[in-house]
N, C-alpha and C. Protein backbone atom coordinates (compact mmCIF):
# COMPACT_ATOMS: atom_id res chain seq x y z
N MET A 1 0.83 -1.19 -0.02
CA MET A 1 0.05 -0.05 -0.05
C MET A 1 0.97 1.34 -0.08
N PHE A 2 0.42 2.15 -0.90
CA PHE A 2 1.19 3.42 -0.85
C PHE A 2 0.40 4.53 -0.40
N THR A 3 0.98 5.75 -0.48
CA THR A 3 0.11 6.92 0.02
C THR A 3 0.13 8.06 -1.13
N GLY A 4 0.91 7.97 -2.15
CA GLY A 4 0.82 8.88 -3.22
C GLY A 4 1.65 10.10 -2.95
N ILE A 5 2.64 9.94 -1.96
CA ILE A 5 3.58 10.97 -1.78
C ILE A 5 4.92 10.42 -2.26
N VAL A 6 5.33 11.15 -3.52
CA VAL A 6 6.57 10.67 -4.24
C VAL A 6 7.68 10.98 -3.43
N GLU A 7 8.57 10.00 -3.38
CA GLU A 7 9.88 10.07 -2.67
C GLU A 7 11.08 10.57 -3.55
N GLU A 8 10.98 10.36 -4.84
CA GLU A 8 11.98 10.43 -5.73
C GLU A 8 11.61 10.76 -7.24
N LEU A 9 12.20 11.55 -7.93
CA LEU A 9 12.13 11.68 -9.35
C LEU A 9 13.22 10.75 -9.95
N GLY A 10 12.83 9.48 -10.47
CA GLY A 10 13.88 8.87 -10.98
C GLY A 10 13.89 8.74 -12.48
N GLU A 11 14.70 7.89 -13.19
CA GLU A 11 14.80 7.91 -14.63
C GLU A 11 15.04 6.48 -14.95
N ILE A 12 14.29 6.22 -16.19
CA ILE A 12 14.59 5.02 -16.79
C ILE A 12 15.91 4.96 -17.61
N THR A 13 16.55 4.08 -17.23
CA THR A 13 18.00 3.93 -17.97
C THR A 13 18.10 2.99 -19.00
N ALA A 14 17.16 1.96 -19.02
CA ALA A 14 17.15 0.80 -19.89
C ALA A 14 15.68 0.29 -20.20
N VAL A 15 15.40 -0.32 -21.22
CA VAL A 15 14.18 -0.96 -21.51
C VAL A 15 14.45 -2.18 -22.37
N GLN A 16 14.22 -3.38 -21.91
CA GLN A 16 14.45 -4.48 -22.62
C GLN A 16 13.28 -5.17 -23.01
N ASN A 17 12.99 -5.39 -24.34
CA ASN A 17 11.84 -6.12 -25.02
C ASN A 17 11.89 -7.71 -24.70
N LEU A 18 11.02 -8.23 -23.84
CA LEU A 18 10.88 -9.56 -23.76
C LEU A 18 9.97 -10.30 -24.56
N GLY A 19 9.37 -9.66 -25.50
CA GLY A 19 8.28 -10.27 -26.46
C GLY A 19 6.90 -9.86 -25.59
N ASP A 20 6.49 -10.91 -24.78
CA ASP A 20 5.18 -10.61 -24.14
C ASP A 20 5.34 -9.93 -22.69
N ALA A 21 6.48 -9.20 -22.60
CA ALA A 21 6.81 -8.34 -21.48
C ALA A 21 7.98 -7.45 -21.77
N SER A 22 8.13 -6.46 -20.82
CA SER A 22 9.25 -5.72 -20.79
C SER A 22 10.13 -5.70 -19.54
N ARG A 23 11.25 -5.56 -19.59
CA ARG A 23 12.16 -5.35 -18.42
C ARG A 23 12.62 -3.83 -18.16
N PHE A 24 12.40 -3.24 -17.18
CA PHE A 24 12.71 -1.80 -17.04
C PHE A 24 13.96 -1.77 -16.02
N THR A 25 14.88 -0.79 -16.25
CA THR A 25 15.96 -0.67 -15.25
C THR A 25 15.80 0.98 -14.84
N VAL A 26 15.61 1.02 -13.64
CA VAL A 26 15.24 2.51 -13.28
C VAL A 26 16.23 2.90 -12.19
N ARG A 27 16.71 4.33 -12.30
CA ARG A 27 17.60 4.82 -11.47
C ARG A 27 16.98 5.42 -10.40
N GLY A 28 17.19 5.12 -8.91
CA GLY A 28 16.59 5.73 -8.05
C GLY A 28 17.31 5.38 -6.68
N PRO A 29 18.29 6.09 -6.36
CA PRO A 29 18.99 5.83 -5.20
C PRO A 29 18.39 5.77 -4.02
N VAL A 30 17.31 6.69 -3.73
CA VAL A 30 16.53 6.93 -2.59
C VAL A 30 15.82 5.51 -2.27
N VAL A 31 14.95 5.10 -3.30
CA VAL A 31 14.00 4.22 -3.18
C VAL A 31 14.74 2.81 -2.99
N THR A 32 16.03 2.68 -3.64
CA THR A 32 16.61 1.43 -3.61
C THR A 32 17.61 1.31 -2.26
N GLU A 33 17.67 2.32 -1.38
CA GLU A 33 18.38 2.02 -0.20
C GLU A 33 17.85 1.13 0.73
N GLY A 34 18.37 0.04 0.97
CA GLY A 34 17.97 -0.98 1.85
C GLY A 34 16.88 -1.97 1.12
N ALA A 35 16.95 -1.82 -0.36
CA ALA A 35 16.08 -2.66 -1.08
C ALA A 35 16.46 -4.12 -0.88
N ARG A 36 15.45 -4.97 -1.33
CA ARG A 36 15.54 -6.25 -1.43
C ARG A 36 14.83 -7.02 -2.54
N HIS A 37 15.38 -7.99 -2.89
CA HIS A 37 14.67 -8.92 -4.04
C HIS A 37 13.23 -9.06 -3.68
N GLY A 38 12.34 -8.85 -4.58
CA GLY A 38 10.85 -9.03 -4.19
C GLY A 38 10.13 -7.84 -3.67
N ASP A 39 10.87 -6.83 -3.23
CA ASP A 39 10.31 -5.54 -2.71
C ASP A 39 9.42 -4.94 -3.80
N SER A 40 8.44 -4.09 -3.25
CA SER A 40 7.58 -3.37 -4.23
C SER A 40 8.09 -1.92 -4.21
N ILE A 41 7.98 -1.42 -5.53
CA ILE A 41 8.23 0.10 -5.68
C ILE A 41 7.31 0.62 -6.74
N ALA A 42 6.65 1.71 -6.46
CA ALA A 42 5.69 2.16 -7.34
C ALA A 42 6.37 3.14 -8.41
N VAL A 43 6.25 2.80 -9.67
CA VAL A 43 6.68 3.69 -10.80
C VAL A 43 5.59 4.33 -11.53
N ASN A 44 5.64 5.66 -11.36
CA ASN A 44 4.55 6.39 -12.03
C ASN A 44 3.08 5.68 -11.60
N GLY A 45 3.03 5.31 -10.40
CA GLY A 45 1.81 4.93 -9.86
C GLY A 45 1.58 3.27 -10.08
N VAL A 46 2.33 2.68 -10.68
CA VAL A 46 2.29 1.10 -10.94
C VAL A 46 3.13 0.56 -9.94
N CYS A 47 2.44 -0.38 -9.13
CA CYS A 47 3.42 -1.21 -8.28
C CYS A 47 4.05 -2.27 -8.99
N LEU A 48 5.40 -2.25 -9.00
CA LEU A 48 6.31 -3.21 -9.55
C LEU A 48 7.18 -3.98 -8.52
N THR A 49 7.65 -5.03 -8.88
CA THR A 49 8.47 -5.93 -8.05
C THR A 49 9.96 -5.78 -8.41
N VAL A 50 10.92 -5.59 -7.44
CA VAL A 50 12.15 -5.57 -7.64
C VAL A 50 12.61 -6.88 -8.08
N VAL A 51 13.39 -7.02 -9.13
CA VAL A 51 13.92 -8.30 -9.61
C VAL A 51 15.54 -8.29 -9.32
N GLU A 52 15.96 -7.23 -9.69
CA GLU A 52 17.65 -7.02 -9.33
C GLU A 52 17.68 -5.55 -8.87
N PHE A 53 18.86 -5.30 -8.09
CA PHE A 53 18.99 -3.89 -7.71
C PHE A 53 20.60 -3.77 -7.45
N GLY A 54 21.15 -2.58 -7.49
CA GLY A 54 22.38 -2.46 -7.21
C GLY A 54 22.91 -1.08 -7.72
N ASP A 55 23.86 -0.32 -7.25
CA ASP A 55 24.23 0.95 -7.82
C ASP A 55 23.37 1.97 -7.80
N GLY A 56 22.30 2.01 -6.98
CA GLY A 56 21.35 3.00 -7.09
C GLY A 56 20.14 2.92 -8.02
N ALA A 57 20.01 1.63 -8.65
CA ALA A 57 18.98 1.38 -9.53
C ALA A 57 18.62 0.05 -9.35
N PHE A 58 17.25 -0.24 -10.03
CA PHE A 58 16.55 -1.52 -9.75
C PHE A 58 15.99 -1.94 -11.05
N THR A 59 15.70 -3.17 -11.37
CA THR A 59 15.07 -3.79 -12.51
C THR A 59 13.76 -4.30 -11.98
N ALA A 60 12.66 -4.22 -12.98
CA ALA A 60 11.50 -4.81 -12.80
C ALA A 60 10.73 -5.13 -14.02
N ASP A 61 10.14 -6.41 -14.04
CA ASP A 61 9.46 -6.97 -15.14
C ASP A 61 8.14 -6.47 -15.30
N VAL A 62 7.63 -6.16 -16.44
CA VAL A 62 6.32 -5.55 -16.73
C VAL A 62 5.60 -6.33 -17.59
N MET A 63 4.49 -6.92 -17.30
CA MET A 63 3.80 -7.76 -18.25
C MET A 63 3.10 -6.94 -19.30
N ALA A 64 2.60 -7.72 -20.44
CA ALA A 64 2.05 -7.00 -21.50
C ALA A 64 0.72 -6.33 -20.93
N GLU A 65 -0.15 -6.77 -20.14
CA GLU A 65 -1.25 -6.25 -19.67
C GLU A 65 -1.09 -4.94 -18.89
N THR A 66 -0.04 -4.86 -18.24
CA THR A 66 0.42 -3.65 -17.47
C THR A 66 0.76 -2.62 -18.55
N LEU A 67 1.53 -2.95 -19.48
CA LEU A 67 1.93 -2.11 -20.57
C LEU A 67 0.74 -1.61 -21.33
N LYS A 68 -0.31 -2.38 -21.62
CA LYS A 68 -1.47 -2.06 -22.30
C LYS A 68 -2.33 -1.04 -21.52
N ARG A 69 -2.34 -1.21 -20.18
CA ARG A 69 -3.47 -0.69 -19.34
C ARG A 69 -2.74 0.57 -18.80
N SER A 70 -1.64 0.81 -18.95
CA SER A 70 -0.88 1.89 -18.10
C SER A 70 -0.10 2.69 -19.27
N SER A 71 0.50 3.78 -18.56
CA SER A 71 1.37 4.53 -19.52
C SER A 71 2.98 4.12 -19.69
N LEU A 72 3.08 3.07 -18.86
CA LEU A 72 4.56 2.55 -18.92
C LEU A 72 5.00 2.28 -20.25
N GLY A 73 4.16 1.66 -21.25
CA GLY A 73 4.61 1.31 -22.51
C GLY A 73 5.22 2.34 -23.02
N ALA A 74 4.89 3.72 -22.81
CA ALA A 74 5.45 4.75 -23.60
C ALA A 74 6.89 5.26 -23.12
N LEU A 75 7.33 4.62 -21.99
CA LEU A 75 8.63 5.17 -21.25
C LEU A 75 9.75 4.50 -22.14
N ALA A 76 10.89 5.29 -22.12
CA ALA A 76 12.06 4.91 -22.90
C ALA A 76 13.17 5.61 -22.16
N PRO A 77 14.50 5.12 -22.27
CA PRO A 77 15.64 5.50 -21.73
C PRO A 77 15.50 7.04 -21.61
N GLY A 78 15.76 7.51 -20.44
CA GLY A 78 15.78 9.15 -20.32
C GLY A 78 14.38 9.61 -19.82
N SER A 79 13.29 8.73 -19.71
CA SER A 79 12.10 9.25 -19.18
C SER A 79 12.34 9.20 -17.67
N ARG A 80 11.67 10.50 -17.16
CA ARG A 80 11.66 10.70 -15.80
C ARG A 80 10.42 9.90 -15.30
N VAL A 81 10.48 9.36 -14.18
CA VAL A 81 9.46 8.61 -13.35
C VAL A 81 9.27 9.11 -11.82
N ASN A 82 8.12 9.06 -11.30
CA ASN A 82 7.79 9.20 -9.94
C ASN A 82 8.00 7.81 -9.15
N LEU A 83 8.72 7.84 -8.17
CA LEU A 83 9.07 6.58 -7.34
C LEU A 83 8.41 6.62 -5.98
N GLU A 84 7.96 5.70 -5.44
CA GLU A 84 7.70 5.55 -4.14
C GLU A 84 7.79 4.15 -3.52
N ARG A 85 8.21 3.94 -2.25
CA ARG A 85 8.19 2.77 -1.65
C ARG A 85 6.90 2.66 -0.90
N PRO A 86 6.52 1.32 -0.56
CA PRO A 86 5.23 1.14 0.34
C PRO A 86 5.33 1.83 1.64
N MET A 87 4.26 2.34 2.14
CA MET A 87 4.15 2.89 3.43
C MET A 87 4.49 1.83 4.66
N ALA A 88 5.32 2.02 5.42
CA ALA A 88 5.49 1.18 6.57
C ALA A 88 4.37 1.36 7.52
N LEU A 89 4.00 0.08 8.18
CA LEU A 89 3.03 0.24 9.11
C LEU A 89 3.42 1.05 10.33
N GLY A 90 2.46 1.99 10.88
CA GLY A 90 2.78 3.01 11.77
C GLY A 90 3.26 4.28 11.13
N GLY A 91 3.58 4.34 9.74
CA GLY A 91 3.94 5.43 9.13
C GLY A 91 2.95 6.55 8.99
N ARG A 92 3.14 7.72 8.64
CA ARG A 92 2.25 8.81 8.37
C ARG A 92 1.57 8.70 6.98
N LEU A 93 0.18 8.70 6.87
CA LEU A 93 -0.59 8.75 5.85
C LEU A 93 -0.60 10.11 5.19
N GLY A 94 0.41 10.48 4.46
CA GLY A 94 0.46 11.96 4.00
C GLY A 94 -0.40 12.26 2.81
N GLY A 95 -0.85 11.30 2.17
CA GLY A 95 -1.73 11.57 0.97
C GLY A 95 -3.00 10.80 1.23
N HIS A 96 -3.24 9.66 0.39
CA HIS A 96 -4.38 8.71 0.80
C HIS A 96 -4.03 7.48 0.29
N LEU A 97 -4.90 6.49 0.62
CA LEU A 97 -4.46 5.05 0.35
C LEU A 97 -4.58 4.85 -1.04
N VAL A 98 -3.34 4.35 -1.50
CA VAL A 98 -3.01 4.09 -2.97
C VAL A 98 -2.56 2.69 -3.17
N GLN A 99 -3.19 1.82 -4.05
CA GLN A 99 -2.80 0.54 -4.21
C GLN A 99 -1.66 0.24 -5.08
N GLY A 100 -1.52 1.37 -6.06
CA GLY A 100 -0.37 0.99 -7.05
C GLY A 100 -1.20 0.24 -8.27
N HIS A 101 -2.38 0.08 -8.29
CA HIS A 101 -3.05 -0.52 -9.36
C HIS A 101 -3.97 0.32 -10.24
N VAL A 102 -3.28 0.59 -11.43
CA VAL A 102 -3.76 1.66 -12.23
C VAL A 102 -5.19 1.29 -12.98
N ASP A 103 -6.08 2.24 -12.73
CA ASP A 103 -7.40 1.93 -13.33
C ASP A 103 -7.61 2.46 -14.77
N GLY A 104 -6.72 3.10 -15.27
CA GLY A 104 -6.92 3.76 -16.65
C GLY A 104 -5.83 4.80 -16.98
N THR A 105 -5.74 5.42 -18.13
CA THR A 105 -4.93 6.36 -18.39
C THR A 105 -5.63 7.59 -18.81
N GLY A 106 -5.09 8.81 -18.51
CA GLY A 106 -5.58 10.07 -18.80
C GLY A 106 -4.64 10.69 -19.76
N THR A 107 -4.97 12.00 -20.24
CA THR A 107 -4.22 12.82 -21.05
C THR A 107 -4.16 14.27 -20.44
N VAL A 108 -2.81 14.87 -20.44
CA VAL A 108 -2.84 16.05 -20.06
C VAL A 108 -3.50 16.98 -21.09
N LEU A 109 -4.50 17.71 -20.83
CA LEU A 109 -5.18 18.63 -21.83
C LEU A 109 -4.61 20.02 -21.79
N ALA A 110 -4.40 20.54 -20.71
CA ALA A 110 -4.01 21.94 -20.54
C ALA A 110 -3.08 22.16 -19.21
N ARG A 111 -2.44 23.07 -19.29
CA ARG A 111 -1.84 23.68 -18.19
C ARG A 111 -1.97 25.23 -18.08
N THR A 112 -2.33 25.77 -16.87
CA THR A 112 -2.75 27.26 -16.74
C THR A 112 -2.03 27.72 -15.48
N PRO A 113 -0.91 28.28 -15.80
CA PRO A 113 -0.09 29.00 -14.58
C PRO A 113 -0.84 30.08 -13.83
N ALA A 114 -0.53 30.02 -12.56
CA ALA A 114 -0.98 31.16 -11.83
C ALA A 114 0.19 31.84 -10.85
N GLU A 115 -0.08 32.56 -10.03
CA GLU A 115 1.08 33.30 -9.53
C GLU A 115 1.80 32.24 -8.55
N HIS A 116 1.10 31.42 -7.69
CA HIS A 116 1.72 30.66 -6.82
C HIS A 116 1.48 29.14 -7.11
N TRP A 117 0.81 28.75 -8.19
CA TRP A 117 0.50 27.28 -8.28
C TRP A 117 0.26 27.28 -9.83
N GLU A 118 -0.09 25.96 -10.33
CA GLU A 118 -0.44 25.77 -11.57
C GLU A 118 -1.53 24.91 -11.70
N ILE A 119 -2.69 25.28 -12.42
CA ILE A 119 -3.81 24.18 -12.72
C ILE A 119 -3.49 23.50 -14.02
N VAL A 120 -3.69 22.11 -13.75
CA VAL A 120 -3.51 21.14 -14.79
C VAL A 120 -4.78 20.47 -15.00
N THR A 121 -5.44 20.54 -16.31
CA THR A 121 -6.47 19.75 -16.72
C THR A 121 -6.17 18.44 -17.49
N ILE A 122 -6.95 17.33 -16.98
CA ILE A 122 -6.41 16.05 -17.44
C ILE A 122 -7.83 15.43 -17.90
N ALA A 123 -7.78 14.78 -19.08
CA ALA A 123 -8.86 14.04 -19.80
C ALA A 123 -9.19 12.79 -18.68
N LEU A 124 -10.37 12.39 -18.62
CA LEU A 124 -10.81 11.44 -17.69
C LEU A 124 -11.56 10.39 -18.56
N PRO A 125 -11.30 9.13 -18.45
CA PRO A 125 -11.97 8.12 -19.19
C PRO A 125 -13.26 8.04 -18.74
N ALA A 126 -14.39 7.82 -19.57
CA ALA A 126 -15.71 7.79 -19.15
C ALA A 126 -16.06 6.73 -18.05
N GLU A 127 -15.53 5.57 -18.15
CA GLU A 127 -15.69 4.64 -17.14
C GLU A 127 -15.18 4.83 -15.72
N LEU A 128 -14.36 5.77 -15.65
CA LEU A 128 -13.86 6.35 -14.28
C LEU A 128 -14.53 7.70 -13.64
N ALA A 129 -15.26 8.31 -14.47
CA ALA A 129 -15.87 9.59 -14.11
C ALA A 129 -16.83 9.45 -12.85
N ARG A 130 -17.43 8.29 -12.65
CA ARG A 130 -18.22 8.15 -11.40
C ARG A 130 -17.56 8.31 -10.02
N TYR A 131 -16.26 7.78 -10.30
CA TYR A 131 -15.39 7.78 -9.04
C TYR A 131 -14.67 9.13 -8.51
N VAL A 132 -14.83 10.09 -9.52
CA VAL A 132 -13.98 11.29 -9.24
C VAL A 132 -15.06 12.49 -8.82
N VAL A 133 -14.79 12.92 -7.58
CA VAL A 133 -15.69 14.02 -7.25
C VAL A 133 -14.73 15.30 -6.78
N GLU A 134 -15.51 16.28 -6.77
CA GLU A 134 -14.78 17.56 -6.37
C GLU A 134 -14.31 17.35 -4.94
N LYS A 135 -12.99 17.88 -4.67
CA LYS A 135 -12.49 17.72 -3.38
C LYS A 135 -11.99 16.30 -2.91
N GLY A 136 -12.37 15.32 -3.82
CA GLY A 136 -11.93 14.00 -3.58
C GLY A 136 -10.52 13.75 -3.95
N SER A 137 -10.03 12.65 -3.73
CA SER A 137 -8.70 12.27 -3.98
C SER A 137 -8.52 11.43 -5.25
N ILE A 138 -7.52 11.51 -5.89
CA ILE A 138 -7.13 10.86 -7.23
C ILE A 138 -5.60 10.75 -7.11
N THR A 139 -5.16 9.55 -7.87
CA THR A 139 -3.62 9.45 -8.02
C THR A 139 -3.25 9.58 -9.42
N VAL A 140 -2.47 10.69 -9.79
CA VAL A 140 -1.99 10.89 -11.13
C VAL A 140 -0.53 10.48 -11.23
N ASP A 141 -0.17 9.35 -12.01
CA ASP A 141 1.20 9.13 -12.16
C ASP A 141 1.88 8.85 -10.85
N GLY A 142 1.00 8.27 -9.80
CA GLY A 142 1.50 7.83 -8.47
C GLY A 142 1.59 8.97 -7.52
N ILE A 143 0.94 10.19 -7.83
CA ILE A 143 0.85 11.41 -7.05
C ILE A 143 -0.54 11.54 -6.40
N SER A 144 -0.58 11.49 -5.15
CA SER A 144 -1.99 11.84 -4.57
C SER A 144 -2.24 13.22 -4.56
N LEU A 145 -3.42 13.42 -5.26
CA LEU A 145 -3.91 14.80 -5.63
C LEU A 145 -5.36 15.12 -5.14
N THR A 146 -5.66 16.32 -4.87
CA THR A 146 -7.07 16.65 -4.55
C THR A 146 -7.86 17.30 -5.97
N VAL A 147 -8.88 16.79 -6.12
CA VAL A 147 -9.52 17.23 -7.21
C VAL A 147 -10.14 18.55 -7.03
N VAL A 148 -10.00 19.63 -8.04
CA VAL A 148 -10.53 20.85 -7.94
C VAL A 148 -11.87 20.91 -8.55
N ASP A 149 -11.94 20.45 -9.70
CA ASP A 149 -13.16 20.43 -10.54
C ASP A 149 -13.19 19.22 -11.28
N ALA A 150 -14.63 18.50 -11.29
CA ALA A 150 -14.73 17.12 -11.81
C ALA A 150 -15.80 17.35 -12.79
N ALA A 151 -15.60 16.90 -14.12
CA ALA A 151 -16.49 16.87 -15.11
C ALA A 151 -16.87 15.42 -15.76
N ALA A 152 -17.58 15.27 -16.60
CA ALA A 152 -17.98 13.82 -17.20
C ALA A 152 -16.64 13.25 -17.91
N ASP A 153 -15.93 14.41 -18.47
CA ASP A 153 -14.68 13.79 -19.23
C ASP A 153 -13.29 14.44 -18.97
N HIS A 154 -13.28 15.18 -17.88
CA HIS A 154 -12.01 15.64 -17.33
C HIS A 154 -12.12 16.23 -16.03
N PHE A 155 -10.94 16.35 -15.49
CA PHE A 155 -10.91 16.95 -14.06
C PHE A 155 -9.67 18.00 -14.06
N THR A 156 -9.54 18.56 -13.03
CA THR A 156 -8.47 19.67 -12.89
C THR A 156 -7.85 19.44 -11.44
N VAL A 157 -6.55 19.77 -11.32
CA VAL A 157 -5.75 19.79 -10.08
C VAL A 157 -5.05 21.12 -10.04
N SER A 158 -4.74 21.43 -8.82
CA SER A 158 -3.87 22.62 -8.61
C SER A 158 -2.62 22.09 -8.05
N LEU A 159 -1.26 22.49 -8.69
CA LEU A 159 -0.06 21.87 -8.26
C LEU A 159 0.77 23.09 -7.53
N ILE A 160 1.25 22.85 -6.38
CA ILE A 160 2.19 23.66 -5.63
C ILE A 160 3.42 23.66 -6.18
N PRO A 161 4.48 24.46 -6.12
CA PRO A 161 5.60 24.65 -6.58
C PRO A 161 6.50 23.25 -6.21
N THR A 162 6.26 22.73 -5.06
CA THR A 162 7.05 21.61 -4.54
C THR A 162 6.67 20.45 -5.52
N THR A 163 5.46 20.28 -5.92
CA THR A 163 4.97 19.16 -6.69
C THR A 163 5.40 19.24 -8.12
N LEU A 164 5.38 20.66 -8.62
CA LEU A 164 5.94 20.89 -9.85
C LEU A 164 7.44 20.59 -10.02
N ALA A 165 8.05 20.82 -8.81
CA ALA A 165 9.60 20.49 -8.98
C ALA A 165 10.11 19.23 -8.83
N LEU A 166 9.32 18.46 -7.87
CA LEU A 166 9.89 17.07 -7.65
C LEU A 166 8.99 15.89 -8.12
N THR A 167 8.05 16.18 -9.15
CA THR A 167 7.37 15.04 -9.75
C THR A 167 7.36 15.38 -11.31
N THR A 168 6.90 14.41 -12.07
CA THR A 168 6.70 14.27 -13.45
C THR A 168 5.69 15.37 -13.93
N LEU A 169 4.76 15.75 -13.00
CA LEU A 169 3.76 16.74 -13.50
C LEU A 169 4.36 18.09 -13.74
N GLY A 170 5.55 18.42 -13.26
CA GLY A 170 6.23 19.62 -13.62
C GLY A 170 6.82 19.64 -14.93
N ILE A 171 6.74 18.54 -15.58
CA ILE A 171 7.28 18.43 -17.05
C ILE A 171 6.37 17.87 -18.00
N LYS A 172 5.09 17.32 -17.55
CA LYS A 172 4.29 16.77 -18.62
C LYS A 172 3.65 18.01 -19.40
N GLN A 173 3.43 17.73 -20.53
CA GLN A 173 2.82 18.64 -21.58
C GLN A 173 1.35 18.14 -22.08
N PRO A 174 0.62 19.18 -22.62
CA PRO A 174 -0.56 18.75 -23.18
C PRO A 174 -0.28 17.61 -24.29
N GLY A 175 -1.04 16.58 -24.27
CA GLY A 175 -0.89 15.41 -24.92
C GLY A 175 -0.12 14.27 -24.40
N ASP A 176 0.36 14.53 -23.35
CA ASP A 176 1.11 13.32 -22.52
C ASP A 176 0.26 12.46 -21.84
N PRO A 177 0.39 11.17 -21.68
CA PRO A 177 -0.36 10.41 -21.09
C PRO A 177 -0.04 10.30 -19.51
N VAL A 178 -1.08 9.97 -18.52
CA VAL A 178 -0.65 9.99 -17.20
C VAL A 178 -1.45 8.57 -16.75
N ASN A 179 -1.08 8.02 -15.82
CA ASN A 179 -1.61 6.99 -15.04
C ASN A 179 -2.72 7.53 -14.11
N LEU A 180 -3.97 6.88 -14.04
CA LEU A 180 -4.89 7.27 -12.96
C LEU A 180 -5.30 6.08 -12.17
N GLU A 181 -5.39 6.32 -10.83
CA GLU A 181 -6.00 5.43 -9.95
C GLU A 181 -7.03 6.13 -9.05
N VAL A 182 -8.13 5.82 -9.13
CA VAL A 182 -9.30 6.28 -8.45
C VAL A 182 -9.38 5.80 -6.96
N ASP A 183 -10.01 6.39 -6.16
CA ASP A 183 -10.13 6.26 -4.62
C ASP A 183 -10.67 4.81 -4.64
N VAL A 184 -9.97 3.80 -4.02
CA VAL A 184 -10.39 2.40 -3.90
C VAL A 184 -11.67 2.22 -3.09
N ILE A 185 -11.91 3.25 -2.03
CA ILE A 185 -13.03 3.29 -1.09
C ILE A 185 -14.24 3.37 -1.92
N ALA A 186 -14.21 4.24 -2.98
CA ALA A 186 -15.34 4.65 -3.70
C ALA A 186 -15.59 3.42 -4.55
N LYS A 187 -14.73 2.59 -4.96
CA LYS A 187 -15.09 1.25 -5.72
C LYS A 187 -15.73 0.12 -4.82
N TYR A 188 -15.26 0.19 -3.39
CA TYR A 188 -15.88 -0.78 -2.60
C TYR A 188 -17.34 -0.31 -2.27
N VAL A 189 -17.51 0.85 -1.97
CA VAL A 189 -18.79 1.32 -1.80
C VAL A 189 -19.70 1.09 -2.84
N GLU A 190 -19.30 1.25 -4.20
CA GLU A 190 -20.27 1.16 -5.27
C GLU A 190 -20.57 -0.38 -5.34
N LYS A 191 -19.61 -1.31 -5.12
CA LYS A 191 -19.92 -2.75 -5.22
C LYS A 191 -21.08 -3.17 -3.99
N MET A 192 -20.86 -2.72 -2.96
CA MET A 192 -21.82 -2.90 -1.97
C MET A 192 -23.10 -2.53 -2.01
N LEU A 193 -23.27 -1.37 -2.79
CA LEU A 193 -24.57 -0.79 -3.04
C LEU A 193 -25.50 -1.71 -4.09
N PRO A 194 -26.68 -1.80 -3.98
CA PRO A 194 -27.56 -2.69 -4.88
C PRO A 194 -27.21 -2.49 -6.40
N GLY A 195 -27.08 -3.34 -6.98
CA GLY A 195 -26.62 -3.21 -8.53
C GLY A 195 -25.20 -2.72 -8.77
N GLY A 196 -24.55 -2.69 -7.80
CA GLY A 196 -23.14 -2.10 -7.93
C GLY A 196 -22.11 -3.04 -8.23
N ALA A 197 -21.04 -2.76 -8.91
CA ALA A 197 -20.01 -3.67 -9.43
C ALA A 197 -18.77 -3.07 -9.67
N ALA A 198 -17.64 -3.69 -9.13
CA ALA A 198 -16.37 -3.07 -9.02
C ALA A 198 -15.81 -3.29 -10.46
N PRO A 199 -14.77 -2.60 -10.91
CA PRO A 199 -14.14 -3.00 -12.23
C PRO A 199 -13.32 -4.16 -12.15
N ALA A 200 -13.08 -4.77 -13.47
CA ALA A 200 -12.26 -5.90 -13.32
C ALA A 200 -10.87 -5.71 -13.06
N GLY A 201 -10.05 -6.80 -13.13
CA GLY A 201 -8.80 -6.67 -12.52
C GLY A 201 -7.83 -5.43 -13.25
N THR A 202 -7.14 -4.82 -12.31
CA THR A 202 -6.22 -3.74 -12.66
C THR A 202 -4.79 -4.03 -12.65
N PRO A 203 -3.91 -3.34 -13.31
CA PRO A 203 -2.63 -3.71 -13.28
C PRO A 203 -1.82 -3.25 -12.07
N GLY A 204 -0.89 -4.25 -11.59
CA GLY A 204 -0.14 -3.72 -10.56
C GLY A 204 0.95 -4.89 -10.30
N ARG A 205 2.06 -4.71 -9.98
CA ARG A 205 3.12 -5.57 -9.55
C ARG A 205 3.49 -6.25 -11.03
N GLY A 206 3.42 -5.69 -12.08
CA GLY A 206 3.84 -6.19 -13.50
C GLY A 206 2.69 -7.00 -13.98
N GLY A 207 1.42 -6.87 -13.41
CA GLY A 207 0.35 -7.59 -14.04
C GLY A 207 -0.98 -7.29 -13.33
N THR A 208 -1.87 -8.17 -13.43
CA THR A 208 -3.26 -8.03 -12.88
C THR A 208 -3.26 -8.71 -11.59
N GLU A 209 -3.91 -8.15 -10.62
CA GLU A 209 -4.20 -8.59 -9.20
C GLU A 209 -5.59 -8.74 -8.77
């Protein structure tokens, strides 16, 4: 379980095509400190399993399903990525409960600078719109954010200078894809209501869970 508080802005250093999967090598000296084989690290909001690590980097295998349902398939050597380790029990929940299971992808539509922040508008897939509400939580590329405005096909978020400087949302431009994970509590509530149903399996740890 993650909180959506990015620990480090890492970099993809290599992508190996394995046919029905890919192997990513990611530079991230902060998140690899004390890492072990099998640990989880969220990469742009997708929970991946550490296969190898050393010299401030780690590798992770990403299945075709994850590449298809997230924006990881668009990454290449030199791409910057948001990195977060799972929250330790007893740690502070600085953002909100994040699973690292991407529900879908959106697209940056516009950036509107203000004096002390920047408003970013992101396209919202129709099947996720019912989970996104004004002042609710959403995860964008692994970043826990508060929804400012929510519409049927898009939503907006306001980004402070720290978020702009320390995450990929500082460099994403209109047309760029982003991973979206809606609040899992909303999905559980929907399932418990009469006639409700939760979405099918979502990608995480290199595949669906």
